[in-house]
Amino acid sequence: MRFRSQRLKSTDETSFINQLNSSDDINIFFKNKEYAKSLYLLSLLDYLSINNNIDINHSYDEMRNLKLSKLYVSKSIYLLLLMKVIKISDVFKDSIDVFLSHNILEGDIDDVA
């Protein structure tokens, strides 16, 4: 998800949280049926909010119960799996729970490209 990694890398986490909370990106992606993007951003928002001791945005409470129908794996993880550099069990073990709750495998948001 290059669009969010560039925004996150260009600002501090608190500012990113505020920008995301003030934008309608999560809802826009959802309304456009871009569920992976929407739930990824929601997961990222929740993860950063929790790590920065900021109250979660309850506007998205209904979405928090949703899961993608298929597991979402980033291209970089997919390539590592194909090249047998990593095992799927390691990917699950290292995944961040708030992402995994939406069927998204994400292990390190600081290492996104």
C-alpha atoms as a PDB file:
ATOM      1  CA  MET A   1       0.000   0.000   0.000  1.00  0.00           C
ATOM      2  CA  ARG A   2       2.409   2.600  -1.282  1.00  0.00           C
ATOM      3  CA  PHE A   3      -0.053   5.521  -0.920  1.00  0.00           C
ATOM      4  CA  ARG A   4      -0.094   5.342   2.886  1.00  0.00           C
ATOM      5  CA  SER A   5       3.554   4.450   3.367  1.00  0.00           C
ATOM      6  CA  GLN A   6       4.671   7.626   1.615  1.00  0.00           C
ATOM      7  CA  ARG A   7       2.321   9.743   3.726  1.00  0.00           C
ATOM      8  CA  LEU A   8       3.401   8.015   6.933  1.00  0.00           C
ATOM      9  CA  LYS A   9       7.104   8.325   6.139  1.00  0.00           C
ATOM     10  CA  SER A  10       6.733  12.031   5.386  1.00  0.00           C
ATOM     11  CA  THR A  11       5.166  12.933   8.754  1.00  0.00           C
ATOM     12  CA  ASP A  12       5.214  11.869  12.395  1.00  0.00           C
ATOM     13  CA  GLU A  13       2.722   9.257  13.595  1.00  0.00           C
ATOM     14  CA  THR A  14       0.518  11.652  15.565  1.00  0.00           C
ATOM     15  CA  SER A  15       0.163  13.977  12.579  1.00  0.00           C
ATOM     16  CA  PHE A  16      -0.590  11.007  10.353  1.00  0.00           C
ATOM     17  CA  ILE A  17      -3.306   9.846  12.769  1.00  0.00           C
ATOM     18  CA  ASN A  18      -4.820  13.349  12.808  1.00  0.00           C
ATOM     19  CA  GLN A  19      -4.698  13.579   8.999  1.00  0.00           C
ATOM     20  CA  LEU A  20      -6.331  10.194   8.603  1.00  0.00           C
ATOM     21  CA  ASN A  21      -9.005  10.986  11.189  1.00  0.00           C
ATOM     22  CA  SER A  22      -9.822  14.288   9.485  1.00  0.00           C
ATOM     23  CA  SER A  23      -9.891  12.783   6.001  1.00  0.00           C
ATOM     24  CA  ASP A  24     -12.568  10.475   4.707  1.00  0.00           C
ATOM     25  CA  ASP A  25     -10.119   8.085   3.027  1.00  0.00           C
ATOM     26  CA  ILE A  26     -11.253   4.969   4.883  1.00  0.00           C
ATOM     27  CA  ASN A  27     -14.898   5.553   3.985  1.00  0.00           C
ATOM     28  CA  ILE A  28     -14.102   6.610   0.414  1.00  0.00           C
ATOM     29  CA  PHE A  29     -12.160   3.413  -0.258  1.00  0.00           C
ATOM     30  CA  PHE A  30     -14.930   1.389   1.356  1.00  0.00           C
ATOM     31  CA  LYS A  31     -17.671   3.051  -0.698  1.00  0.00           C
ATOM     32  CA  ASN A  32     -15.604   2.409  -3.849  1.00  0.00           C
ATOM     33  CA  LYS A  33     -15.404  -1.273  -2.873  1.00  0.00           C
ATOM     34  CA  GLU A  34     -11.651  -1.027  -2.331  1.00  0.00           C
ATOM     35  CA  TYR A  35     -11.987  -3.056   0.840  1.00  0.00           C
ATOM     36  CA  ALA A  36      -8.322  -4.030   1.185  1.00  0.00           C
ATOM     37  CA  LYS A  37      -7.249  -0.373   1.150  1.00  0.00           C
ATOM     38  CA  SER A  38     -10.037   0.655   3.498  1.00  0.00           C
ATOM     39  CA  LEU A  39      -9.385  -2.079   6.067  1.00  0.00           C
ATOM     40  CA  TYR A  40      -5.634  -1.633   5.776  1.00  0.00           C
ATOM     41  CA  LEU A  41      -5.946   2.062   6.600  1.00  0.00           C
ATOM     42  CA  LEU A  42      -8.327   1.282   9.449  1.00  0.00           C
ATOM     43  CA  SER A  43      -5.850  -1.266  10.817  1.00  0.00           C
ATOM     44  CA  LEU A  44      -3.023   1.221  10.474  1.00  0.00           C
ATOM     45  CA  LEU A  45      -5.056   3.942  12.179  1.00  0.00           C
ATOM     46  CA  ASP A  46      -5.930   1.646  15.082  1.00  0.00           C
ATOM     47  CA  TYR A  47      -2.367   0.317  15.395  1.00  0.00           C
ATOM     48  CA  LEU A  48      -0.819   3.791  15.459  1.00  0.00           C
ATOM     49  CA  SER A  49      -3.492   5.146  17.801  1.00  0.00           C
ATOM     50  CA  ILE A  50      -2.931   2.328  20.292  1.00  0.00           C
ATOM     51  CA  ASN A  51       0.862   2.688  20.120  1.00  0.00           C
ATOM     52  CA  ASN A  52       0.623   6.441  20.682  1.00  0.00           C
ATOM     53  CA  ASN A  53      -1.957   6.226  23.497  1.00  0.00           C
ATOM     54  CA  ILE A  54      -4.558   8.034  21.399  1.00  0.00           C
ATOM     55  CA  ASP A  55      -8.230   7.054  21.662  1.00  0.00           C
ATOM     56  CA  ILE A  56      -9.398   5.074  18.662  1.00  0.00           C
ATOM     57  CA  ASN A  57     -11.860   6.723  16.309  1.00  0.00           C
ATOM     58  CA  HIS A  58     -15.217   5.118  17.085  1.00  0.00           C
ATOM     59  CA  SER A  59     -16.657   6.246  13.746  1.00  0.00           C
ATOM     60  CA  TYR A  60     -15.332   3.002  12.313  1.00  0.00           C
ATOM     61  CA  ASP A  61     -16.640   0.590  14.956  1.00  0.00           C
ATOM     62  CA  GLU A  62     -18.882  -1.257  12.495  1.00  0.00           C
ATOM     63  CA  MET A  63     -15.973  -1.791  10.099  1.00  0.00           C
ATOM     64  CA  ARG A  64     -13.802  -3.245  12.837  1.00  0.00           C
ATOM     65  CA  ASN A  65     -15.796  -6.481  12.674  1.00  0.00           C
ATOM     66  CA  LEU A  66     -15.174  -6.952   8.941  1.00  0.00           C
ATOM     67  CA  LYS A  67     -12.620  -9.255   7.343  1.00  0.00           C
ATOM     68  CA  LEU A  68     -11.422  -9.548   3.786  1.00  0.00           C
ATOM     69  CA  SER A  69     -12.786 -12.693   2.147  1.00  0.00           C
ATOM     70  CA  LYS A  70      -9.243 -13.674   1.155  1.00  0.00           C
ATOM     71  CA  LEU A  71      -5.987 -13.175   2.985  1.00  0.00           C
ATOM     72  CA  TYR A  72      -4.193  -9.997   1.892  1.00  0.00           C
ATOM     73  CA  VAL A  73      -0.436 -10.352   1.597  1.00  0.00           C
ATOM     74  CA  SER A  74       1.785  -7.517   0.423  1.00  0.00           C
ATOM     75  CA  LYS A  75       3.799  -7.977  -2.758  1.00  0.00           C
ATOM     76  CA  SER A  76       7.061  -7.983  -0.832  1.00  0.00           C
ATOM     77  CA  ILE A  77       5.894 -10.766   1.509  1.00  0.00           C
ATOM     78  CA  TYR A  78       4.448 -12.672  -1.438  1.00  0.00           C
ATOM     79  CA  LEU A  79       7.780 -12.547  -3.276  1.00  0.00           C
ATOM     80  CA  LEU A  80       9.679 -13.690  -0.194  1.00  0.00           C
ATOM     81  CA  LEU A  81       7.273 -16.611   0.138  1.00  0.00           C
ATOM     82  CA  LEU A  82       7.691 -17.507  -3.541  1.00  0.00           C
ATOM     83  CA  MET A  83      11.481 -17.452  -3.230  1.00  0.00           C
ATOM     84  CA  LYS A  84      11.171 -19.548  -0.057  1.00  0.00           C
ATOM     85  CA  VAL A  85      13.101 -16.936   1.922  1.00  0.00           C
ATOM     86  CA  ILE A  86      10.430 -17.043   4.610  1.00  0.00           C
ATOM     87  CA  LYS A  87       7.774 -19.517   5.684  1.00  0.00           C
ATOM     88  CA  ILE A  88       4.070 -18.731   5.924  1.00  0.00           C
ATOM     89  CA  SER A  89       4.135 -19.752   9.588  1.00  0.00           C
ATOM     90  CA  ASP A  90       6.732 -17.036  10.239  1.00  0.00           C
ATOM     91  CA  VAL A  91       4.600 -14.466   8.458  1.00  0.00           C
ATOM     92  CA  PHE A  92       1.599 -15.296  10.647  1.00  0.00           C
ATOM     93  CA  LYS A  93       3.740 -15.353  13.784  1.00  0.00           C
ATOM     94  CA  ASP A  94       5.142 -11.891  13.040  1.00  0.00           C
ATOM     95  CA  SER A  95       1.861 -10.331  11.901  1.00  0.00           C
ATOM     96  CA  ILE A  96       0.344  -7.447  13.827  1.00  0.00           C
ATOM     97  CA  ASP A  97      -2.918  -8.567  15.465  1.00  0.00           C
ATOM     98  CA  VAL A  98      -4.995  -5.544  14.498  1.00  0.00           C
ATOM     99  CA  PHE A  99      -4.166  -6.178  10.816  1.00  0.00           C
ATOM    100  CA  LEU A 100      -4.659  -9.911  11.106  1.00  0.00           C
ATOM    101  CA  SER A 101      -8.145  -9.333  12.524  1.00  0.00           C
ATOM    102  CA  HIS A 102      -9.077  -8.041   9.041  1.00  0.00           C
ATOM    103  CA  ASN A 103      -7.284 -10.905   7.264  1.00  0.00           C
ATOM    104  CA  ILE A 104      -4.286  -8.722   6.412  1.00  0.00           C
ATOM    105  CA  LEU A 105      -0.731  -9.936   6.955  1.00  0.00           C
ATOM    106  CA  GLU A 106       1.433  -7.018   8.078  1.00  0.00           C
ATOM    107  CA  GLY A 107       4.431  -7.402  10.293  1.00  0.00           C
ATOM    108  CA  ASP A 108       6.300  -4.119  10.281  1.00  0.00           C
ATOM    109  CA  ILE A 109       4.801  -0.810   9.245  1.00  0.00           C
ATOM    110  CA  ASP A 110       8.218   0.849   9.571  1.00  0.00           C
ATOM    111  CA  ASP A 111       9.526  -1.381   6.779  1.00  0.00           C
ATOM    112  CA  VAL A 112       6.959  -0.579   4.117  1.00  0.00           C
ATOM    113  CA  ALA A 113       7.944   0.448   0.614  1.00  0.00           C
END
